[in-house]
Amino acid sequence: MPNQDRIHGTQAARRLPLREHRLRARVSLEEIMAETKISRRFLEAIEDGRYEELPGGVFAVSYIRQYAAMTGYDAESILDHYRRRCEPEAEIKPVRRQPPPRGVRFFQSA
């Protein structure tokens, strides 16, 4: 049976060391909760890299920025990690222009 860590990567490789950084900075989740009004489950989701549990769009980005500000972690590196994991890459489809139907003429008005 193949090693699951080799297939999926280790948990440490899939998440940033946010909790460890917060603990070194001596900031508790309770302090972040009191200052930002972000619930514990969302803060824990950010720390664990479980971004799919965050509310969508601007709320997730705002929560990540507030967490980073409180812990001193670089917000852009967390947001890059979030975007790589959660935002689907836009599929670029070539636009095929079709000629106008036969028999239709376009006139230019004066």
C-alpha atoms as a PDB file:
ATOM      1  CA  MET A   1       0.000   0.000   0.000  1.00  0.00           C
ATOM      2  CA  PRO A   2       1.469   3.421  -0.952  1.00  0.00           C
ATOM      3  CA  ASN A   3       2.479   5.855   1.735  1.00  0.00           C
ATOM      4  CA  GLN A   4      -0.340   8.430   2.083  1.00  0.00           C
ATOM      5  CA  ASP A   5       2.115  11.170   3.135  1.00  0.00           C
ATOM      6  CA  ARG A   6       4.025  10.689  -0.096  1.00  0.00           C
ATOM      7  CA  ILE A   7       0.829  10.974  -2.156  1.00  0.00           C
ATOM      8  CA  HIS A   8      -0.832  13.867  -0.351  1.00  0.00           C
ATOM      9  CA  GLY A   9       2.156  15.549   1.288  1.00  0.00           C
ATOM     10  CA  THR A  10       2.579  15.927   5.007  1.00  0.00           C
ATOM     11  CA  GLN A  11       0.288  18.118   7.076  1.00  0.00           C
ATOM     12  CA  ALA A  12       3.233  20.390   7.823  1.00  0.00           C
ATOM     13  CA  ALA A  13       3.926  20.864   4.118  1.00  0.00           C
ATOM     14  CA  ARG A  14       0.304  21.827   3.454  1.00  0.00           C
ATOM     15  CA  ARG A  15       0.036  24.548   6.059  1.00  0.00           C
ATOM     16  CA  LEU A  16       2.043  27.515   7.226  1.00  0.00           C
ATOM     17  CA  PRO A  17       3.563  27.575  10.746  1.00  0.00           C
ATOM     18  CA  LEU A  18       1.032  30.139  11.946  1.00  0.00           C
ATOM     19  CA  ARG A  19       0.207  28.626  15.338  1.00  0.00           C
ATOM     20  CA  GLU A  20       3.893  28.268  16.174  1.00  0.00           C
ATOM     21  CA  HIS A  21       4.546  31.879  15.159  1.00  0.00           C
ATOM     22  CA  ARG A  22       1.576  33.108  17.244  1.00  0.00           C
ATOM     23  CA  LEU A  23       2.803  31.193  20.296  1.00  0.00           C
ATOM     24  CA  ARG A  24       6.336  32.604  19.899  1.00  0.00           C
ATOM     25  CA  ALA A  25       4.782  36.081  19.671  1.00  0.00           C
ATOM     26  CA  ARG A  26       2.888  35.290  22.901  1.00  0.00           C
ATOM     27  CA  VAL A  27      -0.498  36.159  21.480  1.00  0.00           C
ATOM     28  CA  SER A  28      -3.444  34.008  22.553  1.00  0.00           C
ATOM     29  CA  LEU A  29      -6.438  33.156  20.428  1.00  0.00           C
ATOM     30  CA  GLU A  30      -8.566  34.829  23.094  1.00  0.00           C
ATOM     31  CA  GLU A  31      -6.698  38.113  22.567  1.00  0.00           C
ATOM     32  CA  ILE A  32      -7.217  37.899  18.810  1.00  0.00           C
ATOM     33  CA  MET A  33     -10.898  37.020  19.319  1.00  0.00           C
ATOM     34  CA  ALA A  34     -11.429  39.980  21.674  1.00  0.00           C
ATOM     35  CA  GLU A  35      -9.694  42.462  19.370  1.00  0.00           C
ATOM     36  CA  THR A  36     -11.036  41.288  16.000  1.00  0.00           C
ATOM     37  CA  LYS A  37     -14.384  39.667  16.912  1.00  0.00           C
ATOM     38  CA  ILE A  38     -13.416  36.679  14.729  1.00  0.00           C
ATOM     39  CA  SER A  39     -14.687  33.381  16.123  1.00  0.00           C
ATOM     40  CA  ARG A  40     -12.285  30.756  17.445  1.00  0.00           C
ATOM     41  CA  ARG A  41     -13.262  28.230  14.774  1.00  0.00           C
ATOM     42  CA  PHE A  42     -12.285  30.651  11.984  1.00  0.00           C
ATOM     43  CA  LEU A  43      -8.991  31.514  13.689  1.00  0.00           C
ATOM     44  CA  GLU A  44      -8.198  27.826  14.120  1.00  0.00           C
ATOM     45  CA  ALA A  45      -9.126  27.207  10.476  1.00  0.00           C
ATOM     46  CA  ILE A  46      -6.651  29.911   9.401  1.00  0.00           C
ATOM     47  CA  GLU A  47      -3.903  28.406  11.553  1.00  0.00           C
ATOM     48  CA  ASP A  48      -4.548  24.902  10.263  1.00  0.00           C
ATOM     49  CA  GLY A  49      -4.830  25.937   6.614  1.00  0.00           C
ATOM     50  CA  ARG A  50      -8.479  24.846   6.444  1.00  0.00           C
ATOM     51  CA  TYR A  51      -9.470  27.873   4.385  1.00  0.00           C
ATOM     52  CA  GLU A  52     -12.540  26.146   2.969  1.00  0.00           C
ATOM     53  CA  GLU A  53     -14.126  26.588   6.424  1.00  0.00           C
ATOM     54  CA  LEU A  54     -13.843  30.385   6.247  1.00  0.00           C
ATOM     55  CA  PRO A  55     -16.670  32.526   4.928  1.00  0.00           C
ATOM     56  CA  GLY A  56     -16.069  33.394   1.312  1.00  0.00           C
ATOM     57  CA  GLY A  57     -14.690  36.360  -0.556  1.00  0.00           C
ATOM     58  CA  VAL A  58     -13.675  39.531   1.196  1.00  0.00           C
ATOM     59  CA  PHE A  59     -14.487  38.087   4.637  1.00  0.00           C
ATOM     60  CA  ALA A  60     -11.783  35.415   4.351  1.00  0.00           C
ATOM     61  CA  VAL A  61      -9.226  37.952   3.133  1.00  0.00           C
ATOM     62  CA  SER A  62     -10.169  40.349   5.937  1.00  0.00           C
ATOM     63  CA  TYR A  63      -9.924  37.625   8.599  1.00  0.00           C
ATOM     64  CA  ILE A  64      -6.507  36.580   7.317  1.00  0.00           C
ATOM     65  CA  ARG A  65      -5.255  40.183   7.290  1.00  0.00           C
ATOM     66  CA  GLN A  66      -6.523  40.804  10.840  1.00  0.00           C
ATOM     67  CA  TYR A  67      -4.959  37.553  12.084  1.00  0.00           C
ATOM     68  CA  ALA A  68      -1.640  38.521  10.495  1.00  0.00           C
ATOM     69  CA  ALA A  69      -1.748  42.018  12.015  1.00  0.00           C
ATOM     70  CA  MET A  70      -2.350  40.600  15.489  1.00  0.00           C
ATOM     71  CA  THR A  71       0.408  37.975  15.260  1.00  0.00           C
ATOM     72  CA  GLY A  72       3.013  39.883  13.281  1.00  0.00           C
ATOM     73  CA  TYR A  73       3.008  37.323  10.465  1.00  0.00           C
ATOM     74  CA  ASP A  74       3.303  38.542   6.869  1.00  0.00           C
ATOM     75  CA  ALA A  75      -0.274  38.826   5.579  1.00  0.00           C
ATOM     76  CA  GLU A  76       0.748  38.470   1.929  1.00  0.00           C
ATOM     77  CA  SER A  77       2.369  35.067   2.482  1.00  0.00           C
ATOM     78  CA  ILE A  78      -0.786  33.778   4.186  1.00  0.00           C
ATOM     79  CA  LEU A  79      -2.940  35.250   1.406  1.00  0.00           C
ATOM     80  CA  ASP A  80      -0.717  33.677  -1.269  1.00  0.00           C
ATOM     81  CA  HIS A  81      -1.145  30.309   0.466  1.00  0.00           C
ATOM     82  CA  TYR A  82      -4.915  30.888   0.686  1.00  0.00           C
ATOM     83  CA  ARG A  83      -5.179  31.836  -2.986  1.00  0.00           C
ATOM     84  CA  ARG A  84      -3.138  28.856  -4.173  1.00  0.00           C
ATOM     85  CA  ARG A  85      -5.340  26.487  -2.203  1.00  0.00           C
ATOM     86  CA  CYS A  86      -8.780  28.054  -2.621  1.00  0.00           C
ATOM     87  CA  GLU A  87      -9.062  30.228  -5.664  1.00  0.00           C
ATOM     88  CA  PRO A  88      -9.448  28.201  -8.827  1.00  0.00           C
ATOM     89  CA  GLU A  89      -7.242  29.254 -11.672  1.00  0.00           C
ATOM     90  CA  ALA A  90      -9.255  30.961 -14.314  1.00  0.00           C
ATOM     91  CA  GLU A  91      -9.553  28.836 -17.379  1.00  0.00           C
ATOM     92  CA  ILE A  92      -8.757  30.916 -20.398  1.00  0.00           C
ATOM     93  CA  LYS A  93     -10.823  29.980 -23.388  1.00  0.00           C
ATOM     94  CA  PRO A  94     -10.041  31.435 -26.779  1.00  0.00           C
ATOM     95  CA  VAL A  95     -12.777  33.602 -28.200  1.00  0.00           C
ATOM     96  CA  ARG A  96     -13.892  32.419 -31.582  1.00  0.00           C
ATOM     97  CA  ARG A  97     -15.357  35.159 -33.652  1.00  0.00           C
ATOM     98  CA  GLN A  98     -18.052  34.038 -35.987  1.00  0.00           C
ATOM     99  CA  PRO A  99     -18.762  35.842 -39.237  1.00  0.00           C
ATOM    100  CA  PRO A 100     -22.177  37.522 -39.504  1.00  0.00           C
ATOM    101  CA  PRO A 101     -24.900  35.370 -41.023  1.00  0.00           C
ATOM    102  CA  ARG A 102     -25.064  35.372 -44.811  1.00  0.00           C
ATOM    103  CA  GLY A 103     -27.439  37.827 -46.378  1.00  0.00           C
ATOM    104  CA  VAL A 104     -27.171  40.295 -43.486  1.00  0.00           C
ATOM    105  CA  ARG A 105     -25.616  43.615 -44.433  1.00  0.00           C
ATOM    106  CA  PHE A 106     -24.508  46.256 -42.065  1.00  0.00           C
ATOM    107  CA  PHE A 107     -24.972  49.842 -43.089  1.00  0.00           C
ATOM    108  CA  GLN A 108     -23.171  52.799 -41.722  1.00  0.00           C
ATOM    109  CA  SER A 109     -25.364  55.759 -40.902  1.00  0.00           C
ATOM    110  CA  ALA A 110     -24.263  59.220 -41.852  1.00  0.00           C
END
